[in-house]
Amino acid sequence: MNAPAEQMDPARNDVERIVNAAHDALTDEMVARLAATWGDAITMIDQANRAGIGRALPALARLVENGDLERIAQLARVYSSAQDALTDEMVGRMAETIGNGLLLLDRASRGGADRVITMLESLNASGALERLAATLPQLLERLGMVQTLLQAVDDAAAASRAAQPSTGGFGGLWRLLRDPESQDTLRFLLDVGKKLRQGALGAT
């Protein structure tokens, strides 16, 4: 005798009962949603195939393995945070700064900055720029001394205009020569004259 179908294949009978129960539980709205989901999934798969995303998967896999994808995501988060933190005033200031920088570069280009750069390159090649950099502190110190000398001349001229006229005579000259400050000043001027004379003789 042949056994009933339920006794011959109980697993198949269970599957059929589950399918029937699921079919009874489905509503028209659920069926419509499932159909829309399947349609969207198929559309997405078709678009991915047309865009060649399959060829990009190995590169994405390497990015994941190397940790580069995580770093890219972190960089995107930093950029997004910076973008959120920017205010209209900050954006305006940055635009103004960039504009001023471009204007400065344009003026430098029109003013012959390229020729100045060429001169600096030639000075650097000849070693003159390095010597100038080494002697620049000493040169600035000498310029300070010259400025002090000129200021002293101006102060002395102002003091001389404000002073009482000299009485003249040998007595006045004697009092001037007996003054220690006058003697120091005269000695200083004599030393300066000697150094200037030595420099002039050395130059010839």
Protein backbone atom coordinates (compact mmCIF):
# COMPACT_ATOMS: atom_id res chain seq x y z
CA MET A 1 0.00 0.00 0.00
CA ASN A 2 1.00 3.49 -0.70
CA ALA A 3 1.40 5.74 2.38
CA PRO A 4 -0.35 9.16 2.45
CA ALA A 5 1.67 12.14 1.24
CA GLU A 6 1.76 13.66 4.75
CA GLN A 7 3.49 10.54 6.10
CA MET A 8 5.87 10.25 3.15
CA ASP A 9 7.24 13.88 3.28
CA PRO A 10 6.48 15.63 6.59
CA ALA A 11 9.06 18.37 5.97
CA ARG A 12 7.37 19.35 2.72
CA ASN A 13 4.03 19.45 4.47
CA ASP A 14 5.47 21.82 7.14
CA VAL A 15 6.90 24.14 4.49
CA GLU A 16 3.58 24.23 2.67
CA ARG A 17 1.79 25.10 5.89
CA ILE A 18 4.29 27.92 6.59
CA VAL A 19 3.90 29.30 3.07
CA ASN A 20 0.13 29.18 3.34
CA ALA A 21 0.22 30.92 6.71
CA ALA A 22 2.50 33.66 5.33
CA HIS A 23 0.24 34.03 2.31
CA ASP A 24 -2.79 34.44 4.56
CA ALA A 25 -0.97 36.97 6.75
CA LEU A 26 0.07 39.18 3.82
CA THR A 27 -2.11 42.17 3.14
CA ASP A 28 -2.38 44.07 -0.09
CA GLU A 29 -0.34 46.94 1.42
CA MET A 30 2.45 44.54 2.46
CA VAL A 31 2.47 42.98 -1.01
CA ALA A 32 2.69 46.44 -2.60
CA ARG A 33 5.54 47.38 -0.28
CA LEU A 34 7.45 44.18 -1.03
CA ALA A 35 6.97 44.72 -4.75
CA ALA A 36 8.22 48.31 -4.47
CA THR A 37 11.21 47.16 -2.41
CA TRP A 38 12.10 44.48 -4.95
CA GLY A 39 11.70 46.99 -7.77
CA ASP A 40 13.98 49.53 -6.04
CA ALA A 41 16.54 46.80 -5.32
CA ILE A 42 16.58 45.66 -8.94
CA THR A 43 16.87 49.29 -10.13
CA MET A 44 19.77 49.89 -7.76
CA ILE A 45 21.55 46.74 -8.91
CA ASP A 46 21.07 47.79 -12.53
CA GLN A 47 22.44 51.27 -11.85
CA ALA A 48 25.42 49.79 -9.98
CA ASN A 49 26.19 47.52 -12.92
CA ARG A 50 25.95 50.38 -15.38
CA ALA A 51 28.15 52.64 -13.25
CA GLY A 52 30.84 49.98 -12.98
CA ILE A 53 30.77 49.81 -9.18
CA GLY A 54 31.86 46.19 -9.42
CA ARG A 55 35.25 47.35 -10.70
CA ALA A 56 35.55 49.69 -7.71
CA LEU A 57 34.96 46.97 -5.13
CA PRO A 58 38.60 45.70 -5.08
CA ALA A 59 39.87 49.23 -4.51
CA LEU A 60 37.34 49.74 -1.72
CA ALA A 61 38.41 46.43 -0.19
CA ARG A 62 42.04 47.61 -0.17
CA LEU A 63 41.01 50.89 1.43
CA VAL A 64 39.19 49.00 4.16
CA GLU A 65 42.14 46.66 4.76
CA ASN A 66 44.68 49.52 4.94
CA GLY A 67 42.48 51.66 7.17
CA ASP A 68 42.46 54.43 4.55
CA LEU A 69 38.67 54.38 4.33
CA GLU A 70 38.42 55.10 8.06
CA ARG A 71 40.87 57.98 7.72
CA ILE A 72 38.89 59.37 4.79
CA ALA A 73 35.74 59.18 6.90
CA GLN A 74 37.48 60.98 9.77
CA LEU A 75 38.73 63.66 7.37
CA ALA A 76 35.19 64.09 6.07
CA ARG A 77 33.93 64.47 9.64
CA VAL A 78 36.62 67.10 10.36
CA TYR A 79 35.69 68.96 7.18
CA SER A 80 32.02 68.82 8.08
CA SER A 81 32.74 70.10 11.60
CA ALA A 82 34.83 72.95 10.20
CA GLN A 83 32.09 73.80 7.73
CA ASP A 84 29.51 73.85 10.53
CA ALA A 85 31.79 76.04 12.68
CA LEU A 86 32.31 78.64 9.94
CA THR A 87 30.19 81.72 10.29
CA ASP A 88 29.31 84.23 7.60
CA GLU A 89 31.79 86.69 9.10
CA MET A 90 34.61 84.13 9.03
CA VAL A 91 33.82 83.24 5.43
CA GLY A 92 33.84 86.94 4.53
CA ARG A 93 37.20 87.45 6.24
CA MET A 94 38.73 84.43 4.51
CA ALA A 95 37.47 85.64 1.14
CA GLU A 96 38.89 89.11 1.82
CA THR A 97 42.25 87.63 2.89
CA ILE A 98 42.46 85.47 -0.23
CA GLY A 99 41.55 88.47 -2.38
CA ASN A 100 44.24 90.62 -0.76
CA GLY A 101 46.79 87.84 -1.24
CA LEU A 102 45.98 87.55 -4.92
CA LEU A 103 46.15 91.35 -5.30
CA LEU A 104 49.55 91.37 -3.60
CA LEU A 105 50.83 88.64 -5.92
CA ASP A 106 49.55 90.60 -8.92
CA ARG A 107 51.28 93.77 -7.74
CA ALA A 108 54.50 91.88 -7.08
CA SER A 109 54.37 90.39 -10.56
CA ARG A 110 53.74 93.77 -12.16
CA GLY A 111 56.43 95.45 -10.05
CA GLY A 112 59.18 93.18 -11.31
CA ALA A 113 59.44 90.82 -8.36
CA ASP A 114 60.76 88.17 -10.73
CA ARG A 115 63.80 90.34 -11.43
CA VAL A 116 64.39 90.77 -7.70
CA ILE A 117 64.23 87.00 -7.26
CA THR A 118 66.73 86.58 -10.11
CA MET A 119 69.09 89.06 -8.42
CA LEU A 120 68.76 87.23 -5.10
CA GLU A 121 69.52 83.93 -6.84
CA SER A 122 72.67 85.40 -8.39
CA LEU A 123 73.75 86.86 -5.05
CA ASN A 124 73.18 83.51 -3.41
CA ALA A 125 75.15 81.70 -6.11
CA SER A 126 78.11 84.06 -5.71
CA GLY A 127 78.07 83.85 -1.92
CA ALA A 128 77.42 87.58 -1.54
CA LEU A 129 74.04 86.99 0.06
CA GLU A 130 75.57 84.85 2.78
CA ARG A 131 78.25 87.47 3.46
CA LEU A 132 75.61 90.16 3.59
CA ALA A 133 73.59 88.13 6.06
CA ALA A 134 76.70 87.63 8.21
CA THR A 135 77.61 91.34 8.23
CA LEU A 136 74.07 92.65 8.57
CA PRO A 137 74.04 92.74 12.40
CA GLN A 138 77.33 94.68 12.42
CA LEU A 139 75.98 97.02 9.75
CA LEU A 140 72.86 97.69 11.80
CA GLU A 141 75.02 98.42 14.82
CA ARG A 142 77.09 100.90 12.79
CA LEU A 143 73.93 102.56 11.53
CA GLY A 144 72.84 102.94 15.13
CA MET A 145 76.15 104.65 15.92
CA VAL A 146 75.70 107.00 12.97
CA GLN A 147 72.21 107.83 14.15
CA THR A 148 73.57 108.54 17.64
CA LEU A 149 76.29 110.78 16.15
CA LEU A 150 73.77 112.77 14.11
CA GLN A 151 71.50 113.12 17.12
CA ALA A 152 74.48 114.35 19.18
CA VAL A 153 75.27 116.96 16.50
CA ASP A 154 71.67 118.15 16.54
CA ASP A 155 71.63 118.33 20.34
CA ALA A 156 74.96 120.20 20.39
CA ALA A 157 73.71 122.69 17.83
CA ALA A 158 70.56 123.31 19.86
CA ALA A 159 72.60 123.72 23.06
CA SER A 160 75.00 126.09 21.32
CA ARG A 161 72.14 128.27 20.12
CA ALA A 162 70.66 128.40 23.61
CA ALA A 163 73.97 129.11 25.41
CA GLN A 164 75.27 132.53 26.30
CA PRO A 165 77.88 133.98 23.95
CA SER A 166 81.48 133.34 24.98
CA THR A 167 83.46 136.23 26.46
CA GLY A 168 86.55 135.20 24.50
CA GLY A 169 90.13 135.81 25.50
CA PHE A 170 92.82 133.57 26.94
CA GLY A 171 91.01 133.25 30.29
CA GLY A 172 87.95 131.72 28.69
CA LEU A 173 90.08 129.32 26.67
CA TRP A 174 91.99 128.40 29.81
CA ARG A 175 88.78 127.62 31.70
CA LEU A 176 87.58 125.52 28.77
CA LEU A 177 90.81 123.53 28.66
CA ARG A 178 90.78 122.99 32.44
CA ASP A 179 87.30 121.40 32.26
CA PRO A 180 87.67 117.56 32.52
CA GLU A 181 84.67 116.97 30.27
CA SER A 182 86.16 119.25 27.63
CA GLN A 183 89.45 117.36 27.85
CA ASP A 184 87.65 114.02 27.41
CA THR A 185 85.75 115.38 24.43
CA LEU A 186 88.90 116.73 22.84
CA ARG A 187 90.67 113.41 23.38
CA PHE A 188 87.75 111.58 21.78
CA LEU A 189 87.82 113.85 18.73
CA LEU A 190 91.57 113.36 18.40
CA ASP A 191 91.11 109.56 18.50
CA VAL A 192 88.41 109.78 15.86
CA GLY A 193 90.68 111.88 13.68
CA LYS A 194 93.51 109.37 14.03
CA LYS A 195 91.29 106.46 13.08
CA LEU A 196 89.93 108.34 10.09
CA ARG A 197 93.46 109.20 8.97
CA GLN A 198 94.59 105.60 9.35
CA GLY A 199 91.60 104.40 7.35
CA ALA A 200 92.28 106.90 4.60
CA LEU A 201 95.95 105.90 4.41
CA GLY A 202 95.03 102.22 4.40
CA ALA A 203 92.56 102.76 1.54
CA THR A 204 95.22 104.42 -0.59
